[in-house]
Amino acid sequence: MGRRAFFNCTLLENINVPRSLVSIEDGAFYNCRSLKEMIIPDTLRRLGSRAFSGCIGMEKLSISRRTKLGEHPFMGISGTITFRD
């Protein structure tokens, strides 16, 4: 998913992430304040810097422990972030 793909889409509430996705680039969901939940497939290899920063409405995010993380990918999220084996 490209850099800043959904940057500042404040009305985005949900999105289905395909299993074919291997990378979410920097700031892809930055400031998507209405995004509530995200289950990222195990196929994701890289999560870019500040990918979900500013997603203040995020209640639940689940990601594999094997995914490489950029800088501060979850800054501002007060919901639950689960790292799966």
C-alpha atoms as a PDB file:
ATOM      1  CA  MET A   1       0.000   0.000   0.000  1.00  0.00           C
ATOM      2  CA  GLY A   2       1.567   3.226  -1.130  1.00  0.00           C
ATOM      3  CA  ARG A   3       3.001   6.067   0.890  1.00  0.00           C
ATOM      4  CA  ARG A   4       0.212   8.277   2.263  1.00  0.00           C
ATOM      5  CA  ALA A   5      -2.401   6.196   0.394  1.00  0.00           C
ATOM      6  CA  PHE A   6      -5.197   7.210   2.778  1.00  0.00           C
ATOM      7  CA  PHE A   7      -3.439  10.186   4.390  1.00  0.00           C
ATOM      8  CA  ASN A   8      -5.908  12.369   6.303  1.00  0.00           C
ATOM      9  CA  CYS A   9      -9.005  10.403   5.191  1.00  0.00           C
ATOM     10  CA  THR A  10     -10.827  11.351   8.364  1.00  0.00           C
ATOM     11  CA  LEU A  11     -14.080   9.613   7.344  1.00  0.00           C
ATOM     12  CA  LEU A  12     -12.494   6.201   6.603  1.00  0.00           C
ATOM     13  CA  GLU A  13     -14.040   3.768   9.102  1.00  0.00           C
ATOM     14  CA  ASN A  14     -12.897   0.364   7.893  1.00  0.00           C
ATOM     15  CA  ILE A  15     -10.834  -1.307   5.218  1.00  0.00           C
ATOM     16  CA  ASN A  16     -10.296  -4.929   4.203  1.00  0.00           C
ATOM     17  CA  VAL A  17      -6.598  -5.681   3.945  1.00  0.00           C
ATOM     18  CA  PRO A  18      -5.896  -8.411   1.365  1.00  0.00           C
ATOM     19  CA  ARG A  19      -3.588 -11.303   2.245  1.00  0.00           C
ATOM     20  CA  SER A  20      -1.511 -10.408  -0.800  1.00  0.00           C
ATOM     21  CA  LEU A  21      -0.368  -7.161   0.840  1.00  0.00           C
ATOM     22  CA  VAL A  22       3.315  -7.291   1.843  1.00  0.00           C
ATOM     23  CA  SER A  23       3.991  -3.651   2.746  1.00  0.00           C
ATOM     24  CA  ILE A  24       2.168  -0.643   4.169  1.00  0.00           C
ATOM     25  CA  GLU A  25       4.309   2.376   3.432  1.00  0.00           C
ATOM     26  CA  ASP A  26       5.034   5.508   5.502  1.00  0.00           C
ATOM     27  CA  GLY A  27       1.980   7.462   6.603  1.00  0.00           C
ATOM     28  CA  ALA A  28      -0.442   5.237   4.666  1.00  0.00           C
ATOM     29  CA  PHE A  29      -3.250   5.736   7.211  1.00  0.00           C
ATOM     30  CA  TYR A  30      -1.912   8.854   8.916  1.00  0.00           C
ATOM     31  CA  ASN A  31      -4.667  10.806  10.677  1.00  0.00           C
ATOM     32  CA  CYS A  32      -7.503   8.437   9.700  1.00  0.00           C
ATOM     33  CA  ARG A  33      -9.353   9.430  12.853  1.00  0.00           C
ATOM     34  CA  SER A  34     -12.464   7.331  12.208  1.00  0.00           C
ATOM     35  CA  LEU A  35     -10.642   4.047  11.528  1.00  0.00           C
ATOM     36  CA  LYS A  36     -11.742   1.710  14.336  1.00  0.00           C
ATOM     37  CA  GLU A  37     -10.184  -1.700  13.802  1.00  0.00           C
ATOM     38  CA  MET A  38      -7.463  -3.258  11.673  1.00  0.00           C
ATOM     39  CA  ILE A  39      -6.384  -6.875  11.429  1.00  0.00           C
ATOM     40  CA  ILE A  40      -3.208  -6.964   9.401  1.00  0.00           C
ATOM     41  CA  PRO A  41      -2.490 -10.307   7.696  1.00  0.00           C
ATOM     42  CA  ASP A  42       0.599 -12.346   8.557  1.00  0.00           C
ATOM     43  CA  THR A  43       1.832 -11.825   4.993  1.00  0.00           C
ATOM     44  CA  LEU A  44       2.722  -8.191   5.761  1.00  0.00           C
ATOM     45  CA  ARG A  45       6.507  -7.878   5.945  1.00  0.00           C
ATOM     46  CA  ARG A  46       6.905  -4.141   6.553  1.00  0.00           C
ATOM     47  CA  LEU A  47       4.897  -1.423   8.282  1.00  0.00           C
ATOM     48  CA  GLY A  48       6.240   2.017   7.479  1.00  0.00           C
ATOM     49  CA  SER A  49       6.958   4.951   9.751  1.00  0.00           C
ATOM     50  CA  ARG A  50       3.889   6.662  11.185  1.00  0.00           C
ATOM     51  CA  ALA A  51       1.652   4.325   9.154  1.00  0.00           C
ATOM     52  CA  PHE A  52      -1.196   4.617  11.683  1.00  0.00           C
ATOM     53  CA  SER A  53      -0.123   7.733  13.584  1.00  0.00           C
ATOM     54  CA  GLY A  54      -2.982  10.029  14.444  1.00  0.00           C
ATOM     55  CA  CYS A  55      -5.593   7.264  14.203  1.00  0.00           C
ATOM     56  CA  ILE A  56      -7.142   8.359  17.478  1.00  0.00           C
ATOM     57  CA  GLY A  57     -10.345   6.350  16.946  1.00  0.00           C
ATOM     58  CA  MET A  58      -8.465   3.049  16.597  1.00  0.00           C
ATOM     59  CA  GLU A  59      -9.805   0.645  19.191  1.00  0.00           C
ATOM     60  CA  LYS A  60      -8.097  -2.564  18.099  1.00  0.00           C
ATOM     61  CA  LEU A  61      -5.118  -3.356  15.884  1.00  0.00           C
ATOM     62  CA  SER A  62      -3.598  -6.800  15.374  1.00  0.00           C
ATOM     63  CA  ILE A  63      -0.276  -7.471  13.636  1.00  0.00           C
ATOM     64  CA  SER A  64       2.316 -10.250  13.375  1.00  0.00           C
ATOM     65  CA  ARG A  65       5.455 -10.024  15.532  1.00  0.00           C
ATOM     66  CA  ARG A  66       7.452 -10.831  12.379  1.00  0.00           C
ATOM     67  CA  THR A  67       6.454  -7.594  10.648  1.00  0.00           C
ATOM     68  CA  LYS A  68       9.307  -5.069  10.520  1.00  0.00           C
ATOM     69  CA  LEU A  69       8.195  -1.740  11.963  1.00  0.00           C
ATOM     70  CA  GLY A  70       9.282   1.736  10.915  1.00  0.00           C
ATOM     71  CA  GLU A  71       9.499   4.629  13.377  1.00  0.00           C
ATOM     72  CA  HIS A  72       6.442   5.355  15.523  1.00  0.00           C
ATOM     73  CA  PRO A  73       3.916   3.446  13.405  1.00  0.00           C
ATOM     74  CA  PHE A  74       1.219   3.600  16.118  1.00  0.00           C
ATOM     75  CA  MET A  75       1.760   7.077  17.619  1.00  0.00           C
ATOM     76  CA  GLY A  76      -1.454   8.455  19.093  1.00  0.00           C
ATOM     77  CA  ILE A  77      -3.373   5.164  19.224  1.00  0.00           C
ATOM     78  CA  SER A  78      -4.834   4.580  22.666  1.00  0.00           C
ATOM     79  CA  GLY A  79      -6.651   1.350  21.769  1.00  0.00           C
ATOM     80  CA  THR A  80      -5.342  -2.201  22.048  1.00  0.00           C
ATOM     81  CA  ILE A  81      -2.439  -3.272  19.828  1.00  0.00           C
ATOM     82  CA  THR A  82      -1.904  -7.039  19.693  1.00  0.00           C
ATOM     83  CA  PHE A  83       1.280  -8.640  18.375  1.00  0.00           C
ATOM     84  CA  ARG A  84       0.537 -12.182  17.173  1.00  0.00           C
ATOM     85  CA  ASP A  85       3.073 -15.052  16.996  1.00  0.00           C
END
